[in-house]
Amino acid sequence: MGPERDERCDLTELLASQCGCPKHRGGEVIERPETVGQAFEAMYDGFCSACEHRIEVGQMIARLADDPGYVHAGRCPR
């Protein structure tokens, strides 16, 4: 029997065995909630509803569509 076929990652398009995304390296996968409007600079400190890490003044954030909270715009920092 031959080797199993190595699937491609939906996020990076690399082979799963070569991918470094959280799904394939064993880390936490954060689902991105739906946001509305344009991203903007945070005027106050707070917490990201997606990754639960701190939002600092000046970071780019976006308002959640179905929740009164905010998330980091783009990718959450780790």
PDB file of N, CA and C in Angstrom:
ATOM      1  N   MET A   1       0.842  -1.184   0.000  1.00  0.00           N
ATOM      2  CA  MET A   1       0.000   0.000   0.000  1.00  0.00           C
ATOM      3  C   MET A   1       0.887   1.248   0.000  1.00  0.00           C
ATOM      4  N   GLY A   2       0.574   2.248  -0.824  1.00  0.00           N
ATOM      5  CA  GLY A   2       1.373   3.457  -0.968  1.00  0.00           C
ATOM      6  C   GLY A   2       1.132   4.446   0.164  1.00  0.00           C
ATOM      7  N   PRO A   3       1.966   5.498   0.215  1.00  0.00           N
ATOM      8  CA  PRO A   3       1.782   6.514   1.255  1.00  0.00           C
ATOM      9  C   PRO A   3       0.468   7.249   1.069  1.00  0.00           C
ATOM     10  N   GLU A   4      -0.107   7.707   2.189  1.00  0.00           N
ATOM     11  CA  GLU A   4      -1.356   8.460   2.125  1.00  0.00           C
ATOM     12  C   GLU A   4      -1.119   9.794   1.422  1.00  0.00           C
ATOM     13  N   ARG A   5      -2.128  10.260   0.765  1.00  0.00           N
ATOM     14  CA  ARG A   5      -2.040  11.539   0.070  1.00  0.00           C
ATOM     15  C   ARG A   5      -2.008  12.667   1.097  1.00  0.00           C
ATOM     16  N   ASP A   6      -1.102  13.608   0.934  1.00  0.00           N
ATOM     17  CA  ASP A   6      -0.960  14.750   1.835  1.00  0.00           C
ATOM     18  C   ASP A   6      -1.906  15.852   1.361  1.00  0.00           C
ATOM     19  N   GLU A   7      -2.925  16.176   2.145  1.00  0.00           N
ATOM     20  CA  GLU A   7      -3.912  17.197   1.787  1.00  0.00           C
ATOM     21  C   GLU A   7      -3.317  18.590   1.904  1.00  0.00           C
ATOM     22  N   ARG A   8      -3.892  19.529   1.189  1.00  0.00           N
ATOM     23  CA  ARG A   8      -3.469  20.929   1.265  1.00  0.00           C
ATOM     24  C   ARG A   8      -4.266  21.666   2.343  1.00  0.00           C
ATOM     25  N   CYS A   9      -3.602  22.599   2.997  1.00  0.00           N
ATOM     26  CA  CYS A   9      -4.231  23.440   4.020  1.00  0.00           C
ATOM     27  C   CYS A   9      -5.096  24.484   3.325  1.00  0.00           C
ATOM     28  N   ASP A  10      -6.333  24.673   3.800  1.00  0.00           N
ATOM     29  CA  ASP A  10      -7.229  25.677   3.231  1.00  0.00           C
ATOM     30  C   ASP A  10      -6.732  27.101   3.483  1.00  0.00           C
ATOM     31  N   LEU A  11      -6.011  27.307   4.564  1.00  0.00           N
ATOM     32  CA  LEU A  11      -5.551  28.645   4.935  1.00  0.00           C
ATOM     33  C   LEU A  11      -4.296  29.057   4.169  1.00  0.00           C
ATOM     34  N   THR A  12      -3.279  28.185   4.129  1.00  0.00           N
ATOM     35  CA  THR A  12      -1.989  28.543   3.532  1.00  0.00           C
ATOM     36  C   THR A  12      -1.751  27.943   2.156  1.00  0.00           C
ATOM     37  N   GLU A  13      -2.552  26.958   1.786  1.00  0.00           N
ATOM     38  CA  GLU A  13      -2.422  26.224   0.527  1.00  0.00           C
ATOM     39  C   GLU A  13      -1.145  25.392   0.454  1.00  0.00           C
ATOM     40  N   LEU A  14      -0.451  25.217   1.580  1.00  0.00           N
ATOM     41  CA  LEU A  14       0.706  24.332   1.641  1.00  0.00           C
ATOM     42  C   LEU A  14       0.229  22.918   1.938  1.00  0.00           C
ATOM     43  N   LEU A  15       1.106  21.931   1.692  1.00  0.00           N
ATOM     44  CA  LEU A  15       0.780  20.577   2.110  1.00  0.00           C
ATOM     45  C   LEU A  15       0.673  20.560   3.631  1.00  0.00           C
ATOM     46  N   ALA A  16      -0.271  19.823   4.167  1.00  0.00           N
ATOM     47  CA  ALA A  16      -0.505  19.792   5.612  1.00  0.00           C
ATOM     48  C   ALA A  16       0.759  19.412   6.377  1.00  0.00           C
ATOM     49  N   SER A  17       1.570  18.530   5.834  1.00  0.00           N
ATOM     50  CA  SER A  17       2.800  18.103   6.515  1.00  0.00           C
ATOM     51  C   SER A  17       3.856  19.212   6.544  1.00  0.00           C
ATOM     52  N   GLN A  18       3.718  20.240   5.702  1.00  0.00           N
ATOM     53  CA  GLN A  18       4.675  21.342   5.631  1.00  0.00           C
ATOM     54  C   GLN A  18       4.108  22.642   6.192  1.00  0.00           C
ATOM     55  N   CYS A  19       2.844  22.629   6.573  1.00  0.00           N
ATOM     56  CA  CYS A  19       2.147  23.835   6.996  1.00  0.00           C
ATOM     57  C   CYS A  19       2.471  24.191   8.440  1.00  0.00           C
ATOM     58  N   GLY A  20       2.551  25.486   8.725  1.00  0.00           N
ATOM     59  CA  GLY A  20       2.820  25.954  10.077  1.00  0.00           C
ATOM     60  C   GLY A  20       1.635  26.646  10.727  1.00  0.00           C
ATOM     61  N   CYS A  21       0.439  26.543  10.132  1.00  0.00           N
ATOM     62  CA  CYS A  21      -0.727  27.187  10.731  1.00  0.00           C
ATOM     63  C   CYS A  21      -1.119  26.455  12.018  1.00  0.00           C
ATOM     64  N   PRO A  22      -1.878  27.108  12.899  1.00  0.00           N
ATOM     65  CA  PRO A  22      -2.261  26.484  14.170  1.00  0.00           C
ATOM     66  C   PRO A  22      -2.956  25.131  14.004  1.00  0.00           C
ATOM     67  N   LYS A  23      -3.744  24.973  12.963  1.00  0.00           N
ATOM     68  CA  LYS A  23      -4.462  23.709  12.760  1.00  0.00           C
ATOM     69  C   LYS A  23      -3.491  22.543  12.563  1.00  0.00           C
ATOM     70  N   HIS A  24      -2.403  22.778  11.824  1.00  0.00           N
ATOM     71  CA  HIS A  24      -1.484  21.696  11.493  1.00  0.00           C
ATOM     72  C   HIS A  24      -0.266  21.604  12.403  1.00  0.00           C
ATOM     73  N   ARG A  25       0.024  22.617  13.179  1.00  0.00           N
ATOM     74  CA  ARG A  25       1.155  22.514  14.096  1.00  0.00           C
ATOM     75  C   ARG A  25       0.698  22.219  15.525  1.00  0.00           C
ATOM     76  N   GLY A  26      -0.620  22.060  15.697  1.00  0.00           N
ATOM     77  CA  GLY A  26      -1.129  21.671  17.006  1.00  0.00           C
ATOM     78  C   GLY A  26      -1.542  22.819  17.898  1.00  0.00           C
ATOM     79  N   GLY A  27      -1.566  24.033  17.397  1.00  0.00           N
ATOM     80  CA  GLY A  27      -1.959  25.178  18.203  1.00  0.00           C
ATOM     81  C   GLY A  27      -3.454  25.396  18.196  1.00  0.00           C
ATOM     82  N   GLU A  28      -3.862  26.478  18.800  1.00  0.00           N
ATOM     83  CA  GLU A  28      -5.271  26.831  18.887  1.00  0.00           C
ATOM     84  C   GLU A  28      -5.726  27.516  17.602  1.00  0.00           C
ATOM     85  N   VAL A  29      -6.848  27.096  17.067  1.00  0.00           N
ATOM     86  CA  VAL A  29      -7.421  27.723  15.880  1.00  0.00           C
ATOM     87  C   VAL A  29      -8.488  28.695  16.350  1.00  0.00           C
ATOM     88  N   ILE A  30      -8.327  29.962  15.987  1.00  0.00           N
ATOM     89  CA  ILE A  30      -9.279  30.994  16.397  1.00  0.00           C
ATOM     90  C   ILE A  30     -10.226  31.263  15.243  1.00  0.00           C
ATOM     91  N   GLU A  31     -11.500  31.045  15.478  1.00  0.00           N
ATOM     92  CA  GLU A  31     -12.514  31.338  14.460  1.00  0.00           C
ATOM     93  C   GLU A  31     -12.736  32.838  14.430  1.00  0.00           C
ATOM     94  N   ARG A  32     -12.720  33.420  13.252  1.00  0.00           N
ATOM     95  CA  ARG A  32     -12.922  34.851  13.118  1.00  0.00           C
ATOM     96  C   ARG A  32     -14.413  35.163  13.068  1.00  0.00           C
ATOM     97  N   PRO A  33     -14.912  35.958  14.007  1.00  0.00           N
ATOM     98  CA  PRO A  33     -16.320  36.351  13.976  1.00  0.00           C
ATOM     99  C   PRO A  33     -16.566  37.367  12.865  1.00  0.00           C
ATOM    100  N   GLU A  34     -17.811  37.516  12.481  1.00  0.00           N
ATOM    101  CA  GLU A  34     -18.182  38.474  11.445  1.00  0.00           C
ATOM    102  C   GLU A  34     -18.125  39.890  12.014  1.00  0.00           C
ATOM    103  N   THR A  35     -17.542  40.803  11.242  1.00  0.00           N
ATOM    104  CA  THR A  35     -17.446  42.199  11.668  1.00  0.00           C
ATOM    105  C   THR A  35     -18.223  43.084  10.692  1.00  0.00           C
ATOM    106  N   VAL A  36     -18.469  44.325  11.127  1.00  0.00           N
ATOM    107  CA  VAL A  36     -19.167  45.298  10.278  1.00  0.00           C
ATOM    108  C   VAL A  36     -18.339  46.573  10.206  1.00  0.00           C
ATOM    109  N   GLY A  37     -18.496  47.299   9.101  1.00  0.00           N
ATOM    110  CA  GLY A  37     -17.809  48.580   8.956  1.00  0.00           C
ATOM    111  C   GLY A  37     -16.324  48.430   8.687  1.00  0.00           C
ATOM    112  N   GLN A  38     -15.660  49.571   8.671  1.00  0.00           N
ATOM    113  CA  GLN A  38     -14.227  49.634   8.415  1.00  0.00           C
ATOM    114  C   GLN A  38     -13.447  49.447   9.718  1.00  0.00           C
ATOM    115  N   ALA A  39     -12.251  48.911   9.614  1.00  0.00           N
ATOM    116  CA  ALA A  39     -11.357  48.830  10.777  1.00  0.00           C
ATOM    117  C   ALA A  39     -10.920  50.250  11.143  1.00  0.00           C
ATOM    118  N   PHE A  40     -10.618  50.455  12.423  1.00  0.00           N
ATOM    119  CA  PHE A  40     -10.196  51.765  12.894  1.00  0.00           C
ATOM    120  C   PHE A  40      -9.265  51.613  14.075  1.00  0.00           C
ATOM    121  N   GLU A  41      -8.562  52.682  14.426  1.00  0.00           N
ATOM    122  CA  GLU A  41      -7.639  52.644  15.555  1.00  0.00           C
ATOM    123  C   GLU A  41      -8.394  52.688  16.873  1.00  0.00           C
ATOM    124  N   ALA A  42      -8.001  51.827  17.799  1.00  0.00           N
ATOM    125  CA  ALA A  42      -8.622  51.811  19.126  1.00  0.00           C
ATOM    126  C   ALA A  42      -8.250  53.092  19.876  1.00  0.00           C
ATOM    127  N   MET A  43      -9.259  53.711  20.454  1.00  0.00           N
ATOM    128  CA  MET A  43      -9.027  54.920  21.251  1.00  0.00           C
ATOM    129  C   MET A  43      -8.908  54.596  22.738  1.00  0.00           C
ATOM    130  N   TYR A  44      -9.288  53.349  23.107  1.00  0.00           N
ATOM    131  CA  TYR A  44      -9.258  52.916  24.499  1.00  0.00           C
ATOM    132  C   TYR A  44      -8.704  51.491  24.565  1.00  0.00           C
ATOM    133  N   ASP A  45      -8.135  51.134  25.700  1.00  0.00           N
ATOM    134  CA  ASP A  45      -7.705  49.760  25.927  1.00  0.00           C
ATOM    135  C   ASP A  45      -8.932  48.873  26.089  1.00  0.00           C
ATOM    136  N   GLY A  46      -8.790  47.596  25.767  1.00  0.00           N
ATOM    137  CA  GLY A  46      -9.891  46.651  25.918  1.00  0.00           C
ATOM    138  C   GLY A  46      -9.409  45.238  25.689  1.00  0.00           C
ATOM    139  N   PHE A  47     -10.348  44.330  25.370  1.00  0.00           N
ATOM    140  CA  PHE A  47     -10.017  42.933  25.112  1.00  0.00           C
ATOM    141  C   PHE A  47     -10.685  42.473  23.825  1.00  0.00           C
ATOM    142  N   CYS A  48      -9.974  41.670  23.067  1.00  0.00           N
ATOM    143  CA  CYS A  48     -10.470  41.129  21.808  1.00  0.00           C
ATOM    144  C   CYS A  48     -11.443  39.988  22.097  1.00  0.00           C
ATOM    145  N   SER A  49     -12.625  40.038  21.494  1.00  0.00           N
ATOM    146  CA  SER A  49     -13.629  38.992  21.698  1.00  0.00           C
ATOM    147  C   SER A  49     -13.253  37.688  20.999  1.00  0.00           C
ATOM    148  N   ALA A  50     -12.321  37.720  20.032  1.00  0.00           N
ATOM    149  CA  ALA A  50     -11.919  36.508  19.314  1.00  0.00           C
ATOM    150  C   ALA A  50     -10.813  35.755  20.051  1.00  0.00           C
ATOM    151  N   CYS A  51      -9.736  36.450  20.418  1.00  0.00           N
ATOM    152  CA  CYS A  51      -8.583  35.767  21.028  1.00  0.00           C
ATOM    153  C   CYS A  51      -8.477  36.018  22.528  1.00  0.00           C
ATOM    154  N   GLU A  52      -9.287  36.938  23.051  1.00  0.00           N
ATOM    155  CA  GLU A  52      -9.321  37.288  24.469  1.00  0.00           C
ATOM    156  C   GLU A  52      -8.015  37.893  24.971  1.00  0.00           C
ATOM    157  N   HIS A  53      -7.175  38.400  24.033  1.00  0.00           N
ATOM    158  CA  HIS A  53      -5.970  39.119  24.409  1.00  0.00           C
ATOM    159  C   HIS A  53      -6.279  40.606  24.432  1.00  0.00           C
ATOM    160  N   ARG A  54      -5.388  41.352  25.008  1.00  0.00           N
ATOM    161  CA  ARG A  54      -5.566  42.780  25.201  1.00  0.00           C
ATOM    162  C   ARG A  54      -5.561  43.547  23.870  1.00  0.00           C
ATOM    163  N   ILE A  55      -6.446  44.520  23.771  1.00  0.00           N
ATOM    164  CA  ILE A  55      -6.421  45.517  22.697  1.00  0.00           C
ATOM    165  C   ILE A  55      -5.840  46.775  23.316  1.00  0.00           C
ATOM    166  N   GLU A  56      -4.817  47.318  22.676  1.00  0.00           N
ATOM    167  CA  GLU A  56      -4.175  48.515  23.194  1.00  0.00           C
ATOM    168  C   GLU A  56      -4.509  49.719  22.313  1.00  0.00           C
ATOM    169  N   VAL A  57      -4.481  50.895  22.908  1.00  0.00           N
ATOM    170  CA  VAL A  57      -4.730  52.131  22.176  1.00  0.00           C
ATOM    171  C   VAL A  57      -3.820  52.167  20.952  1.00  0.00           C
ATOM    172  N   GLY A  58      -4.401  52.476  19.785  1.00  0.00           N
ATOM    173  CA  GLY A  58      -3.628  52.579  18.553  1.00  0.00           C
ATOM    174  C   GLY A  58      -3.668  51.338  17.676  1.00  0.00           C
ATOM    175  N   GLN A  59      -4.042  50.178  18.246  1.00  0.00           N
ATOM    176  CA  GLN A  59      -4.155  48.972  17.426  1.00  0.00           C
ATOM    177  C   GLN A  59      -5.391  49.076  16.545  1.00  0.00           C
ATOM    178  N   MET A  60      -5.321  48.453  15.376  1.00  0.00           N
ATOM    179  CA  MET A  60      -6.459  48.446  14.466  1.00  0.00           C
ATOM    180  C   MET A  60      -7.468  47.406  14.944  1.00  0.00           C
ATOM    181  N   ILE A  61      -8.740  47.820  15.056  1.00  0.00           N
ATOM    182  CA  ILE A  61      -9.805  46.942  15.536  1.00  0.00           C
ATOM    183  C   ILE A  61     -11.024  47.056  14.626  1.00  0.00           C
ATOM    184  N   ALA A  62     -11.960  46.144  14.803  1.00  0.00           N
ATOM    185  CA  ALA A  62     -13.217  46.165  14.058  1.00  0.00           C
ATOM    186  C   ALA A  62     -14.356  45.803  15.004  1.00  0.00           C
ATOM    187  N   ARG A  63     -15.530  46.332  14.736  1.00  0.00           N
ATOM    188  CA  ARG A  63     -16.720  46.078  15.554  1.00  0.00           C
ATOM    189  C   ARG A  63     -17.364  44.764  15.118  1.00  0.00           C
ATOM    190  N   LEU A  64     -17.816  43.972  16.084  1.00  0.00           N
ATOM    191  CA  LEU A  64     -18.489  42.711  15.787  1.00  0.00           C
ATOM    192  C   LEU A  64     -19.888  42.952  15.244  1.00  0.00           C
ATOM    193  N   ALA A  65     -20.334  42.070  14.356  1.00  0.00           N
ATOM    194  CA  ALA A  65     -21.653  42.199  13.748  1.00  0.00           C
ATOM    195  C   ALA A  65     -22.774  41.834  14.709  1.00  0.00           C
ATOM    196  N   ASP A  66     -22.606  40.770  15.481  1.00  0.00           N
ATOM    197  CA  ASP A  66     -23.692  40.251  16.326  1.00  0.00           C
ATOM    198  C   ASP A  66     -23.416  40.378  17.817  1.00  0.00           C
ATOM    199  N   ASP A  67     -22.528  41.283  18.207  1.00  0.00           N
ATOM    200  CA  ASP A  67     -22.112  41.384  19.603  1.00  0.00           C
ATOM    201  C   ASP A  67     -21.649  42.817  19.833  1.00  0.00           C
ATOM    202  N   PRO A  68     -21.736  43.336  21.049  1.00  0.00           N
ATOM    203  CA  PRO A  68     -21.283  44.705  21.277  1.00  0.00           C
ATOM    204  C   PRO A  68     -19.765  44.853  21.373  1.00  0.00           C
ATOM    205  N   GLY A  69     -19.009  43.766  21.202  1.00  0.00           N
ATOM    206  CA  GLY A  69     -17.556  43.806  21.374  1.00  0.00           C
ATOM    207  C   GLY A  69     -16.780  44.158  20.122  1.00  0.00           C
ATOM    208  N   TYR A  70     -15.452  44.105  20.265  1.00  0.00           N
ATOM    209  CA  TYR A  70     -14.517  44.424  19.192  1.00  0.00           C
ATOM    210  C   TYR A  70     -13.476  43.325  19.080  1.00  0.00           C
ATOM    211  N   VAL A  71     -12.837  43.239  17.909  1.00  0.00           N
ATOM    212  CA  VAL A  71     -11.762  42.268  17.676  1.00  0.00           C
ATOM    213  C   VAL A  71     -10.608  42.971  16.983  1.00  0.00           C
ATOM    214  N   HIS A  72      -9.417  42.368  17.064  1.00  0.00           N
ATOM    215  CA  HIS A  72      -8.275  42.875  16.295  1.00  0.00           C
ATOM    216  C   HIS A  72      -8.641  42.806  14.819  1.00  0.00           C
ATOM    217  N   ALA A  73      -8.319  43.831  14.070  1.00  0.00           N
ATOM    218  CA  ALA A  73      -8.539  43.821  12.625  1.00  0.00           C
ATOM    219  C   ALA A  73      -7.498  42.906  11.997  1.00  0.00           C
ATOM    220  N   GLY A  74      -7.907  42.124  11.021  1.00  0.00           N
ATOM    221  CA  GLY A  74      -6.966  41.191  10.389  1.00  0.00           C
ATOM    222  C   GLY A  74      -6.704  40.015  11.299  1.00  0.00           C
ATOM    223  N   ARG A  75      -5.449  39.703  11.515  1.00  0.00           N
ATOM    224  CA  ARG A  75      -5.055  38.540  12.331  1.00  0.00           C
ATOM    225  C   ARG A  75      -4.780  38.958  13.762  1.00  0.00           C
ATOM    226  N   CYS A  76      -5.260  38.188  14.718  1.00  0.00           N
ATOM    227  CA  CYS A  76      -4.988  38.477  16.132  1.00  0.00           C
ATOM    228  C   CYS A  76      -3.513  38.246  16.423  1.00  0.00           C
ATOM    229  N   PRO A  77      -2.864  39.169  17.139  1.00  0.00           N
ATOM    230  CA  PRO A  77      -1.447  38.983  17.479  1.00  0.00           C
ATOM    231  C   PRO A  77      -1.293  37.873  18.513  1.00  0.00           C
ATOM    232  N   ARG A  78      -0.190  37.180  18.461  1.00  0.00           N
ATOM    233  CA  ARG A  78       0.096  36.099  19.421  1.00  0.00           C
ATOM    234  C   ARG A  78       1.401  36.351  20.089  1.00  0.00           C
TER     235      ARG A  78
END
